[in-house]
Amino acid sequence: MKILGIGNAIVDVICKVEDGFIKENGLTKSTMKLVDETEFKKLLSSLKIEETISGGSVANSIAGLSQLGNKVGFIGKVNDDDLGQKYEDGLKKEKVEYFYSKKKEKLPTGTCLILITPDSERTMCTFLGTAGKINENDVDINSVKNSEMIFLEGYLWDEGDPKKAFDKAIKNSNKAAMSLSDLFCVERHKPHFLNLVKNNLNITFANEQEILSLINAKTFDEVITFGKQLEKLIVITRGEKGSIAILKNEIVECESKKNLKIVDLTGAGDLFAAGFLHGYVNKLSLRESLEKGTEMSSKIIQKIGARLN
């Protein structure tokens, strides 16, 4: 197997809203907020659902890798409920091998409300449900050892059981990559993430905001210096400024595609990672890998949702 993803198994519920809805509900545009089940249902009660789809950041990347013809798998915790079944069916449809046996849990399968405003930005409210309760027993050690690389998401990292699951996966992996996921994740777990980036990961994916926050940098030049000293691959997306890969003294930049009809930015980072990792595991150059990432993210932002058809 090329890549095994380990992440939050979340069912995405996509709704279109006006900017006022974001303000009225005290949300911060373009970020992800963790909510409880009550708040989730309250937000959803007044909205029209556009689409329901198997999601989760790393799962989206893994589905993208599968569509590019790679043999991939995924581990993520769901409940043996209706949404859990939908989730599993969604992965199988994408030809992703699912290395998790669902059972009855106290908490339901996780769901993420994705609110798309007229400017195509997405604001997320996530009720993690049982997804956030992943533990080391949920990590299938053979699937980790039998994959060339594991791909983890910062959203999943938390003190206690999720950390143990992370540690077990990284310890038994051939190579480990991770996405920092979101600014709020970085702010919440900064010392832990910095330790992972410096000592445990072969590849780190981040956007510009996340990496600046992680290393407490004021300018992007500081990020370049950090990347060179790290001696491990770091891949950064910079929105309209394109993307950059840093490995020791090698710095490769790729421009973003222009004149796109942007509909929804959900999954842009996830599909970028899919394209880049496809290049990496198939021995393409850093430049070609960045270009593949850019191509995949350009496709996904021109449609609703985080999965290409």
C-alpha atoms as a PDB file:
ATOM      1  CA  MET A   1       0.000   0.000   0.000  1.00  0.00           C
ATOM      2  CA  LYS A   2       1.273   3.460  -0.867  1.00  0.00           C
ATOM      3  CA  ILE A   3      -0.308   5.584   1.872  1.00  0.00           C
ATOM      4  CA  LEU A   4      -2.430   4.923   4.961  1.00  0.00           C
ATOM      5  CA  GLY A   5      -4.379   7.902   6.264  1.00  0.00           C
ATOM      6  CA  ILE A   6      -5.317   8.173   9.925  1.00  0.00           C
ATOM      7  CA  GLY A   7      -7.777  10.918  10.750  1.00  0.00           C
ATOM      8  CA  ASN A   8     -11.156  12.047  11.955  1.00  0.00           C
ATOM      9  CA  ALA A   9     -13.921  10.085  10.255  1.00  0.00           C
ATOM     10  CA  ILE A  10     -16.434  12.899   9.820  1.00  0.00           C
ATOM     11  CA  VAL A  11     -19.570  13.161   7.734  1.00  0.00           C
ATOM     12  CA  ASP A  12     -19.675  16.604   6.073  1.00  0.00           C
ATOM     13  CA  VAL A  13     -22.996  18.436   5.975  1.00  0.00           C
ATOM     14  CA  ILE A  14     -22.713  21.301   3.486  1.00  0.00           C
ATOM     15  CA  CYS A  15     -24.961  24.389   3.670  1.00  0.00           C
ATOM     16  CA  LYS A  16     -24.894  27.801   1.993  1.00  0.00           C
ATOM     17  CA  VAL A  17     -25.325  30.808   4.301  1.00  0.00           C
ATOM     18  CA  GLU A  18     -25.128  34.591   4.203  1.00  0.00           C
ATOM     19  CA  ASP A  19     -22.368  36.460   6.073  1.00  0.00           C
ATOM     20  CA  GLY A  20     -24.946  37.524   8.662  1.00  0.00           C
ATOM     21  CA  PHE A  21     -25.421  33.922   9.804  1.00  0.00           C
ATOM     22  CA  ILE A  22     -21.724  33.666  10.684  1.00  0.00           C
ATOM     23  CA  LYS A  23     -21.845  36.908  12.721  1.00  0.00           C
ATOM     24  CA  GLU A  24     -25.163  36.106  14.449  1.00  0.00           C
ATOM     25  CA  ASN A  25     -23.825  32.785  15.665  1.00  0.00           C
ATOM     26  CA  GLY A  26     -20.524  34.195  16.937  1.00  0.00           C
ATOM     27  CA  LEU A  27     -18.430  32.243  14.458  1.00  0.00           C
ATOM     28  CA  THR A  28     -15.098  33.300  12.940  1.00  0.00           C
ATOM     29  CA  LYS A  29     -15.132  33.070   9.170  1.00  0.00           C
ATOM     30  CA  SER A  30     -12.777  30.520   7.534  1.00  0.00           C
ATOM     31  CA  THR A  31     -11.958  28.701  10.771  1.00  0.00           C
ATOM     32  CA  MET A  32     -13.104  25.483  12.396  1.00  0.00           C
ATOM     33  CA  LYS A  33     -14.888  25.470  15.748  1.00  0.00           C
ATOM     34  CA  LEU A  34     -15.558  22.409  17.878  1.00  0.00           C
ATOM     35  CA  VAL A  35     -19.172  22.281  19.093  1.00  0.00           C
ATOM     36  CA  ASP A  36     -21.240  19.879  21.164  1.00  0.00           C
ATOM     37  CA  GLU A  37     -24.199  17.934  19.792  1.00  0.00           C
ATOM     38  CA  THR A  38     -26.767  20.461  21.081  1.00  0.00           C
ATOM     39  CA  GLU A  39     -25.073  23.435  19.389  1.00  0.00           C
ATOM     40  CA  PHE A  40     -24.592  21.422  16.203  1.00  0.00           C
ATOM     41  CA  LYS A  41     -28.316  20.596  15.998  1.00  0.00           C
ATOM     42  CA  LYS A  42     -29.289  24.197  16.841  1.00  0.00           C
ATOM     43  CA  LEU A  43     -27.131  25.594  14.000  1.00  0.00           C
ATOM     44  CA  LEU A  44     -28.434  23.005  11.554  1.00  0.00           C
ATOM     45  CA  SER A  45     -32.103  23.493  12.471  1.00  0.00           C
ATOM     46  CA  SER A  46     -32.513  26.677  10.401  1.00  0.00           C
ATOM     47  CA  LEU A  47     -30.455  25.595   7.381  1.00  0.00           C
ATOM     48  CA  LYS A  48     -31.051  23.846   4.078  1.00  0.00           C
ATOM     49  CA  ILE A  49     -28.597  20.995   3.453  1.00  0.00           C
ATOM     50  CA  GLU A  50     -26.930  21.118   0.017  1.00  0.00           C
ATOM     51  CA  GLU A  51     -25.009  17.866   0.302  1.00  0.00           C
ATOM     52  CA  THR A  52     -23.991  15.161   2.806  1.00  0.00           C
ATOM     53  CA  ILE A  53     -20.690  13.406   2.101  1.00  0.00           C
ATOM     54  CA  SER A  54     -18.022  11.274   3.828  1.00  0.00           C
ATOM     55  CA  GLY A  55     -15.382  13.780   4.888  1.00  0.00           C
ATOM     56  CA  GLY A  56     -12.576  14.443   7.307  1.00  0.00           C
ATOM     57  CA  SER A  57      -9.408  16.199   6.188  1.00  0.00           C
ATOM     58  CA  VAL A  58      -7.057  13.238   5.704  1.00  0.00           C
ATOM     59  CA  ALA A  59      -9.892  11.040   4.384  1.00  0.00           C
ATOM     60  CA  ASN A  60     -10.428  13.653   1.643  1.00  0.00           C
ATOM     61  CA  SER A  61      -6.711  13.483   0.775  1.00  0.00           C
ATOM     62  CA  ILE A  62      -6.797   9.677   0.723  1.00  0.00           C
ATOM     63  CA  ALA A  63      -9.838   9.673  -1.591  1.00  0.00           C
ATOM     64  CA  GLY A  64      -7.943  12.046  -3.911  1.00  0.00           C
ATOM     65  CA  LEU A  65      -4.894   9.746  -3.882  1.00  0.00           C
ATOM     66  CA  SER A  66      -7.140   6.801  -4.750  1.00  0.00           C
ATOM     67  CA  GLN A  67      -8.592   8.695  -7.707  1.00  0.00           C
ATOM     68  CA  LEU A  68      -5.035   9.261  -8.933  1.00  0.00           C
ATOM     69  CA  GLY A  69      -4.595   5.479  -9.033  1.00  0.00           C
ATOM     70  CA  ASN A  70      -2.737   4.858  -5.765  1.00  0.00           C
ATOM     71  CA  LYS A  71      -3.449   1.908  -3.467  1.00  0.00           C
ATOM     72  CA  VAL A  72      -4.486   3.566  -0.207  1.00  0.00           C
ATOM     73  CA  GLY A  73      -6.194   2.870   3.103  1.00  0.00           C
ATOM     74  CA  PHE A  74      -7.777   4.790   5.960  1.00  0.00           C
ATOM     75  CA  ILE A  75      -8.303   4.419   9.705  1.00  0.00           C
ATOM     76  CA  GLY A  76     -10.936   6.558  11.421  1.00  0.00           C
ATOM     77  CA  LYS A  77     -13.393   5.864  14.222  1.00  0.00           C
ATOM     78  CA  VAL A  78     -17.138   5.780  13.521  1.00  0.00           C
ATOM     79  CA  ASN A  79     -20.108   4.419  15.419  1.00  0.00           C
ATOM     80  CA  ASP A  80     -22.157   1.491  14.154  1.00  0.00           C
ATOM     81  CA  ASP A  81     -25.012   3.849  13.239  1.00  0.00           C
ATOM     82  CA  ASP A  82     -26.601   5.160  10.062  1.00  0.00           C
ATOM     83  CA  LEU A  83     -23.970   7.855   9.463  1.00  0.00           C
ATOM     84  CA  GLY A  84     -21.183   5.370  10.265  1.00  0.00           C
ATOM     85  CA  GLN A  85     -22.490   3.041   7.576  1.00  0.00           C
ATOM     86  CA  LYS A  86     -22.771   5.935   5.110  1.00  0.00           C
ATOM     87  CA  TYR A  87     -19.219   6.883   5.935  1.00  0.00           C
ATOM     88  CA  GLU A  88     -17.856   3.402   5.267  1.00  0.00           C
ATOM     89  CA  ASP A  89     -19.855   3.082   2.032  1.00  0.00           C
ATOM     90  CA  GLY A  90     -18.477   6.440   0.877  1.00  0.00           C
ATOM     91  CA  LEU A  91     -14.893   5.261   1.324  1.00  0.00           C
ATOM     92  CA  LYS A  92     -15.505   1.946  -0.423  1.00  0.00           C
ATOM     93  CA  LYS A  93     -17.034   3.806  -3.356  1.00  0.00           C
ATOM     94  CA  GLU A  94     -13.740   5.697  -3.624  1.00  0.00           C
ATOM     95  CA  LYS A  95     -11.784   2.371  -3.623  1.00  0.00           C
ATOM     96  CA  VAL A  96     -10.209   3.195  -0.250  1.00  0.00           C
ATOM     97  CA  GLU A  97      -9.530   0.215   2.020  1.00  0.00           C
ATOM     98  CA  TYR A  98     -11.055   0.870   5.443  1.00  0.00           C
ATOM     99  CA  PHE A  99      -8.996  -0.615   8.284  1.00  0.00           C
ATOM    100  CA  TYR A 100     -11.522  -0.146  11.072  1.00  0.00           C
ATOM    101  CA  SER A 101     -14.273  -2.419  12.388  1.00  0.00           C
ATOM    102  CA  LYS A 102     -17.132  -0.286  13.635  1.00  0.00           C
ATOM    103  CA  LYS A 103     -19.039  -1.215  16.765  1.00  0.00           C
ATOM    104  CA  LYS A 104     -21.677   0.331  18.991  1.00  0.00           C
ATOM    105  CA  GLU A 105     -20.205   3.367  20.765  1.00  0.00           C
ATOM    106  CA  LYS A 106     -21.585   5.791  23.354  1.00  0.00           C
ATOM    107  CA  LEU A 107     -21.138   8.710  20.954  1.00  0.00           C
ATOM    108  CA  PRO A 108     -22.535   8.972  17.412  1.00  0.00           C
ATOM    109  CA  THR A 109     -20.428   9.232  14.252  1.00  0.00           C
ATOM    110  CA  GLY A 110     -18.794  12.663  13.950  1.00  0.00           C
ATOM    111  CA  THR A 111     -20.307  15.366  11.767  1.00  0.00           C
ATOM    112  CA  CYS A 112     -19.018  18.666  10.408  1.00  0.00           C
ATOM    113  CA  LEU A 113     -21.287  21.505   9.388  1.00  0.00           C
ATOM    114  CA  ILE A 114     -19.609  23.336   6.493  1.00  0.00           C
ATOM    115  CA  LEU A 115     -21.046  26.821   6.035  1.00  0.00           C
ATOM    116  CA  ILE A 116     -20.271  28.356   2.650  1.00  0.00           C
ATOM    117  CA  THR A 117     -20.631  32.153   2.408  1.00  0.00           C
ATOM    118  CA  PRO A 118     -21.112  34.046  -0.901  1.00  0.00           C
ATOM    119  CA  ASP A 119     -17.325  34.701  -1.113  1.00  0.00           C
ATOM    120  CA  SER A 120     -16.794  30.884  -1.295  1.00  0.00           C
ATOM    121  CA  GLU A 121     -15.061  30.822   2.109  1.00  0.00           C
ATOM    122  CA  ARG A 122     -15.976  27.926   4.345  1.00  0.00           C
ATOM    123  CA  THR A 123     -16.542  28.093   8.093  1.00  0.00           C
ATOM    124  CA  MET A 124     -16.762  24.791   9.933  1.00  0.00           C
ATOM    125  CA  CYS A 125     -18.526  23.658  13.086  1.00  0.00           C
ATOM    126  CA  THR A 126     -17.493  20.157  14.044  1.00  0.00           C
ATOM    127  CA  PHE A 127     -19.138  17.773  16.460  1.00  0.00           C
ATOM    128  CA  LEU A 128     -16.404  15.147  16.709  1.00  0.00           C
ATOM    129  CA  GLY A 129     -18.615  12.463  18.221  1.00  0.00           C
ATOM    130  CA  THR A 130     -16.791   9.164  18.463  1.00  0.00           C
ATOM    131  CA  ALA A 131     -14.149  10.242  15.881  1.00  0.00           C
ATOM    132  CA  GLY A 132     -12.310  12.210  18.568  1.00  0.00           C
ATOM    133  CA  LYS A 133     -12.156   9.153  20.837  1.00  0.00           C
ATOM    134  CA  ILE A 134      -9.718   7.216  18.660  1.00  0.00           C
ATOM    135  CA  ASN A 135      -7.229   5.219  20.733  1.00  0.00           C
ATOM    136  CA  GLU A 136      -4.195   3.004  20.178  1.00  0.00           C
ATOM    137  CA  ASN A 137      -6.382  -0.131  19.895  1.00  0.00           C
ATOM    138  CA  ASP A 138      -8.044   1.425  16.836  1.00  0.00           C
ATOM    139  CA  VAL A 139      -4.723   1.587  14.964  1.00  0.00           C
ATOM    140  CA  ASP A 140      -4.208  -1.558  12.895  1.00  0.00           C
ATOM    141  CA  ILE A 141      -0.479  -2.113  13.233  1.00  0.00           C
ATOM    142  CA  ASN A 142      -0.120  -4.352  10.173  1.00  0.00           C
ATOM    143  CA  SER A 143      -1.702  -1.773   7.874  1.00  0.00           C
ATOM    144  CA  VAL A 144       0.734   0.841   9.269  1.00  0.00           C
ATOM    145  CA  LYS A 145       3.761  -1.387   8.672  1.00  0.00           C
ATOM    146  CA  ASN A 146       2.547  -2.428   5.218  1.00  0.00           C
ATOM    147  CA  SER A 147       2.206   1.136   3.917  1.00  0.00           C
ATOM    148  CA  GLU A 148       5.065   3.188   2.491  1.00  0.00           C
ATOM    149  CA  MET A 149       3.842   6.199   4.457  1.00  0.00           C
ATOM    150  CA  ILE A 150       1.196   7.246   6.969  1.00  0.00           C
ATOM    151  CA  PHE A 151      -0.588  10.578   6.693  1.00  0.00           C
ATOM    152  CA  LEU A 152      -2.002  12.147   9.865  1.00  0.00           C
ATOM    153  CA  GLU A 153      -4.061  15.251  10.567  1.00  0.00           C
ATOM    154  CA  GLY A 154      -3.532  17.853  13.273  1.00  0.00           C
ATOM    155  CA  TYR A 155      -7.305  17.888  13.886  1.00  0.00           C
ATOM    156  CA  LEU A 156      -6.983  14.405  15.374  1.00  0.00           C
ATOM    157  CA  TRP A 157      -4.216  15.158  17.854  1.00  0.00           C
ATOM    158  CA  ASP A 158      -5.327  15.590  21.435  1.00  0.00           C
ATOM    159  CA  GLU A 159      -4.037  14.700  24.878  1.00  0.00           C
ATOM    160  CA  GLY A 160      -4.826  11.181  26.074  1.00  0.00           C
ATOM    161  CA  ASP A 161      -6.040   8.437  23.746  1.00  0.00           C
ATOM    162  CA  PRO A 162      -5.630  10.260  20.378  1.00  0.00           C
ATOM    163  CA  LYS A 163      -2.000  11.079  21.289  1.00  0.00           C
ATOM    164  CA  LYS A 164      -1.376   7.389  22.085  1.00  0.00           C
ATOM    165  CA  ALA A 165      -2.894   6.430  18.719  1.00  0.00           C
ATOM    166  CA  PHE A 166      -0.605   8.978  16.998  1.00  0.00           C
ATOM    167  CA  ASP A 167       2.474   7.722  18.859  1.00  0.00           C
ATOM    168  CA  LYS A 168       1.762   4.085  18.008  1.00  0.00           C
ATOM    169  CA  ALA A 169       1.208   4.917  14.323  1.00  0.00           C
ATOM    170  CA  ILE A 170       4.350   7.054  13.993  1.00  0.00           C
ATOM    171  CA  LYS A 171       6.533   4.570  15.905  1.00  0.00           C
ATOM    172  CA  ASN A 172       5.571   1.722  13.561  1.00  0.00           C
ATOM    173  CA  SER A 173       5.535   3.687  10.305  1.00  0.00           C
ATOM    174  CA  ASN A 174       8.079   3.626   7.487  1.00  0.00           C
ATOM    175  CA  LYS A 175       7.564   7.350   6.900  1.00  0.00           C
ATOM    176  CA  ALA A 176       5.188   9.842   8.503  1.00  0.00           C
ATOM    177  CA  ALA A 177       3.532  12.943   7.058  1.00  0.00           C
ATOM    178  CA  MET A 178       1.102  15.278   8.797  1.00  0.00           C
ATOM    179  CA  SER A 179      -1.027  18.301   8.049  1.00  0.00           C
ATOM    180  CA  LEU A 180      -1.178  21.004  10.739  1.00  0.00           C
ATOM    181  CA  SER A 181      -4.886  21.285   9.758  1.00  0.00           C
ATOM    182  CA  ASP A 182      -5.989  24.618  11.200  1.00  0.00           C
ATOM    183  CA  LEU A 183      -4.694  27.683  13.013  1.00  0.00           C
ATOM    184  CA  PHE A 184      -6.751  26.812  16.088  1.00  0.00           C
ATOM    185  CA  CYS A 185      -5.057  23.357  16.240  1.00  0.00           C
ATOM    186  CA  VAL A 186      -1.626  24.975  16.082  1.00  0.00           C
ATOM    187  CA  GLU A 187      -2.475  27.540  18.778  1.00  0.00           C
ATOM    188  CA  ARG A 188      -3.880  24.818  21.028  1.00  0.00           C
ATOM    189  CA  HIS A 189      -1.058  22.290  20.663  1.00  0.00           C
ATOM    190  CA  LYS A 190       1.929  24.432  19.694  1.00  0.00           C
ATOM    191  CA  PRO A 191       4.730  22.766  21.763  1.00  0.00           C
ATOM    192  CA  HIS A 192       3.530  19.272  20.794  1.00  0.00           C
ATOM    193  CA  PHE A 193       3.203  20.115  17.101  1.00  0.00           C
ATOM    194  CA  LEU A 194       6.623  21.770  17.036  1.00  0.00           C
ATOM    195  CA  ASN A 195       8.123  18.644  18.601  1.00  0.00           C
ATOM    196  CA  LEU A 196       6.389  16.438  16.008  1.00  0.00           C
ATOM    197  CA  VAL A 197       7.583  18.618  13.122  1.00  0.00           C
ATOM    198  CA  LYS A 198      11.177  18.697  14.393  1.00  0.00           C
ATOM    199  CA  ASN A 199      11.555  15.112  15.560  1.00  0.00           C
ATOM    200  CA  ASN A 200       8.902  12.712  14.239  1.00  0.00           C
ATOM    201  CA  LEU A 201       7.645  13.725  10.806  1.00  0.00           C
ATOM    202  CA  ASN A 202       9.242  13.289   7.384  1.00  0.00           C
ATOM    203  CA  ILE A 203       6.802  15.705   5.719  1.00  0.00           C
ATOM    204  CA  THR A 204       4.783  18.568   7.221  1.00  0.00           C
ATOM    205  CA  PHE A 205       1.945  20.303   5.350  1.00  0.00           C
ATOM    206  CA  ALA A 206       0.828  23.757   6.514  1.00  0.00           C
ATOM    207  CA  ASN A 207      -0.663  26.948   5.213  1.00  0.00           C
ATOM    208  CA  GLU A 208       1.118  30.250   5.711  1.00  0.00           C
ATOM    209  CA  GLN A 209      -0.871  31.289   8.816  1.00  0.00           C
ATOM    210  CA  GLU A 210      -0.301  27.930  10.521  1.00  0.00           C
ATOM    211  CA  ILE A 211       3.458  27.799   9.986  1.00  0.00           C
ATOM    212  CA  LEU A 212       3.944  31.453  11.040  1.00  0.00           C
ATOM    213  CA  SER A 213       2.056  30.697  14.247  1.00  0.00           C
ATOM    214  CA  LEU A 214       3.879  27.407  14.902  1.00  0.00           C
ATOM    215  CA  ILE A 215       7.315  29.020  14.962  1.00  0.00           C
ATOM    216  CA  ASN A 216       6.128  32.424  16.244  1.00  0.00           C
ATOM    217  CA  ALA A 217       7.455  34.104  13.093  1.00  0.00           C
ATOM    218  CA  LYS A 218       6.691  37.644  11.974  1.00  0.00           C
ATOM    219  CA  THR A 219       7.849  37.239   8.362  1.00  0.00           C
ATOM    220  CA  PHE A 220       7.922  34.472   5.780  1.00  0.00           C
ATOM    221  CA  ASP A 221      11.715  34.780   5.556  1.00  0.00           C
ATOM    222  CA  GLU A 222      11.861  33.314   9.069  1.00  0.00           C
ATOM    223  CA  VAL A 223       9.828  30.361   7.812  1.00  0.00           C
ATOM    224  CA  ILE A 224      12.356  29.795   4.992  1.00  0.00           C
ATOM    225  CA  THR A 225      15.212  29.828   7.512  1.00  0.00           C
ATOM    226  CA  PHE A 226      13.346  27.409   9.780  1.00  0.00           C
ATOM    227  CA  GLY A 227      12.603  25.100   6.831  1.00  0.00           C
ATOM    228  CA  LYS A 228      16.246  24.995   5.729  1.00  0.00           C
ATOM    229  CA  GLN A 229      17.461  24.184   9.250  1.00  0.00           C
ATOM    230  CA  LEU A 230      14.780  21.515   9.758  1.00  0.00           C
ATOM    231  CA  GLU A 231      16.347  19.142   7.212  1.00  0.00           C
ATOM    232  CA  LYS A 232      12.941  17.536   6.655  1.00  0.00           C
ATOM    233  CA  LEU A 233      10.425  18.304   3.933  1.00  0.00           C
ATOM    234  CA  ILE A 234       8.008  21.101   4.673  1.00  0.00           C
ATOM    235  CA  VAL A 235       5.282  22.034   2.180  1.00  0.00           C
ATOM    236  CA  ILE A 236       3.419  25.328   2.566  1.00  0.00           C
ATOM    237  CA  THR A 237       0.379  26.641   0.696  1.00  0.00           C
ATOM    238  CA  ARG A 238       0.095  30.425   0.438  1.00  0.00           C
ATOM    239  CA  GLY A 239      -3.265  31.018  -1.255  1.00  0.00           C
ATOM    240  CA  GLU A 240      -2.900  33.325  -4.259  1.00  0.00           C
ATOM    241  CA  LYS A 241       0.877  33.394  -3.719  1.00  0.00           C
ATOM    242  CA  GLY A 242       1.056  29.714  -4.648  1.00  0.00           C
ATOM    243  CA  SER A 243       2.979  27.053  -2.742  1.00  0.00           C
ATOM    244  CA  ILE A 244       6.504  26.288  -1.653  1.00  0.00           C
ATOM    245  CA  ALA A 245       8.467  23.165  -0.685  1.00  0.00           C
ATOM    246  CA  ILE A 246      11.596  23.418   1.463  1.00  0.00           C
ATOM    247  CA  LEU A 247      14.047  20.571   1.952  1.00  0.00           C
ATOM    248  CA  LYS A 248      17.437  21.536   3.377  1.00  0.00           C
ATOM    249  CA  ASN A 249      18.809  24.108   0.895  1.00  0.00           C
ATOM    250  CA  GLU A 250      16.375  23.202  -1.868  1.00  0.00           C
ATOM    251  CA  ILE A 251      13.525  25.705  -2.151  1.00  0.00           C
ATOM    252  CA  VAL A 252      10.953  25.137  -4.868  1.00  0.00           C
ATOM    253  CA  GLU A 253       8.018  27.453  -5.561  1.00  0.00           C
ATOM    254  CA  CYS A 254       4.899  26.926  -7.642  1.00  0.00           C
ATOM    255  CA  GLU A 255       2.442  29.616  -8.746  1.00  0.00           C
ATOM    256  CA  SER A 256      -1.283  29.259  -8.104  1.00  0.00           C
ATOM    257  CA  LYS A 257      -3.578  28.856 -11.103  1.00  0.00           C
ATOM    258  CA  LYS A 258      -5.271  32.076 -12.226  1.00  0.00           C
ATOM    259  CA  ASN A 259      -8.799  32.933 -13.416  1.00  0.00           C
ATOM    260  CA  LEU A 260     -10.550  30.041 -11.708  1.00  0.00           C
ATOM    261  CA  LYS A 261     -14.277  30.089 -11.086  1.00  0.00           C
ATOM    262  CA  ILE A 262     -14.088  29.516  -7.335  1.00  0.00           C
ATOM    263  CA  VAL A 263     -17.236  28.021  -5.830  1.00  0.00           C
ATOM    264  CA  ASP A 264     -16.134  26.553  -2.483  1.00  0.00           C
ATOM    265  CA  LEU A 265     -12.711  26.452  -0.818  1.00  0.00           C
ATOM    266  CA  THR A 266     -13.556  23.307   1.187  1.00  0.00           C
ATOM    267  CA  GLY A 267     -10.920  20.644   0.652  1.00  0.00           C
ATOM    268  CA  ALA A 268      -8.403  22.888  -1.129  1.00  0.00           C
ATOM    269  CA  GLY A 269      -5.616  21.953   1.301  1.00  0.00           C
ATOM    270  CA  ASP A 270      -6.700  18.305   1.466  1.00  0.00           C
ATOM    271  CA  LEU A 271      -6.584  17.848  -2.304  1.00  0.00           C
ATOM    272  CA  PHE A 272      -3.354  19.825  -2.562  1.00  0.00           C
ATOM    273  CA  ALA A 273      -1.807  17.315  -0.125  1.00  0.00           C
ATOM    274  CA  ALA A 274      -3.239  14.435  -2.200  1.00  0.00           C
ATOM    275  CA  GLY A 275      -1.625  15.757  -5.380  1.00  0.00           C
ATOM    276  CA  PHE A 276       1.695  16.449  -3.695  1.00  0.00           C
ATOM    277  CA  LEU A 277       1.844  13.054  -1.970  1.00  0.00           C
ATOM    278  CA  HIS A 278       0.937  11.339  -5.237  1.00  0.00           C
ATOM    279  CA  GLY A 279       4.001  12.963  -6.777  1.00  0.00           C
ATOM    280  CA  TYR A 280       6.179  12.154  -3.771  1.00  0.00           C
ATOM    281  CA  VAL A 281       5.356   8.433  -3.503  1.00  0.00           C
ATOM    282  CA  ASN A 282       5.639   8.025  -7.276  1.00  0.00           C
ATOM    283  CA  LYS A 283       9.142   9.553  -7.252  1.00  0.00           C
ATOM    284  CA  LEU A 284       8.302  12.810  -9.064  1.00  0.00           C
ATOM    285  CA  SER A 285      10.432  15.908  -8.387  1.00  0.00           C
ATOM    286  CA  LEU A 286       9.430  18.467  -5.754  1.00  0.00           C
ATOM    287  CA  ARG A 287       8.391  20.844  -8.539  1.00  0.00           C
ATOM    288  CA  GLU A 288       6.225  18.216 -10.241  1.00  0.00           C
ATOM    289  CA  SER A 289       4.698  17.270  -6.891  1.00  0.00           C
ATOM    290  CA  LEU A 290       3.822  20.916  -6.148  1.00  0.00           C
ATOM    291  CA  GLU A 291       2.323  21.240  -9.625  1.00  0.00           C
ATOM    292  CA  LYS A 292       0.180  18.125  -9.084  1.00  0.00           C
ATOM    293  CA  GLY A 293      -0.974  19.502  -5.730  1.00  0.00           C
ATOM    294  CA  THR A 294      -1.871  22.830  -7.349  1.00  0.00           C
ATOM    295  CA  GLU A 295      -3.764  21.081 -10.140  1.00  0.00           C
ATOM    296  CA  MET A 296      -5.825  19.010  -7.651  1.00  0.00           C
ATOM    297  CA  SER A 297      -6.643  21.962  -5.378  1.00  0.00           C
ATOM    298  CA  SER A 298      -7.623  24.065  -8.429  1.00  0.00           C
ATOM    299  CA  LYS A 299     -10.131  21.405  -9.473  1.00  0.00           C
ATOM    300  CA  ILE A 300     -11.754  21.007  -6.047  1.00  0.00           C
ATOM    301  CA  ILE A 301     -12.376  24.728  -5.409  1.00  0.00           C
ATOM    302  CA  GLN A 302     -14.449  24.929  -8.581  1.00  0.00           C
ATOM    303  CA  LYS A 303     -17.095  22.582  -7.161  1.00  0.00           C
ATOM    304  CA  ILE A 304     -19.091  22.155  -3.937  1.00  0.00           C
ATOM    305  CA  GLY A 305     -17.579  19.787  -1.357  1.00  0.00           C
ATOM    306  CA  ALA A 306     -14.179  18.243  -0.761  1.00  0.00           C
ATOM    307  CA  ARG A 307     -14.336  15.187  -3.034  1.00  0.00           C
ATOM    308  CA  LEU A 308     -13.750  15.110  -6.775  1.00  0.00           C
ATOM    309  CA  ASN A 309     -16.290  13.065  -8.702  1.00  0.00           C
END
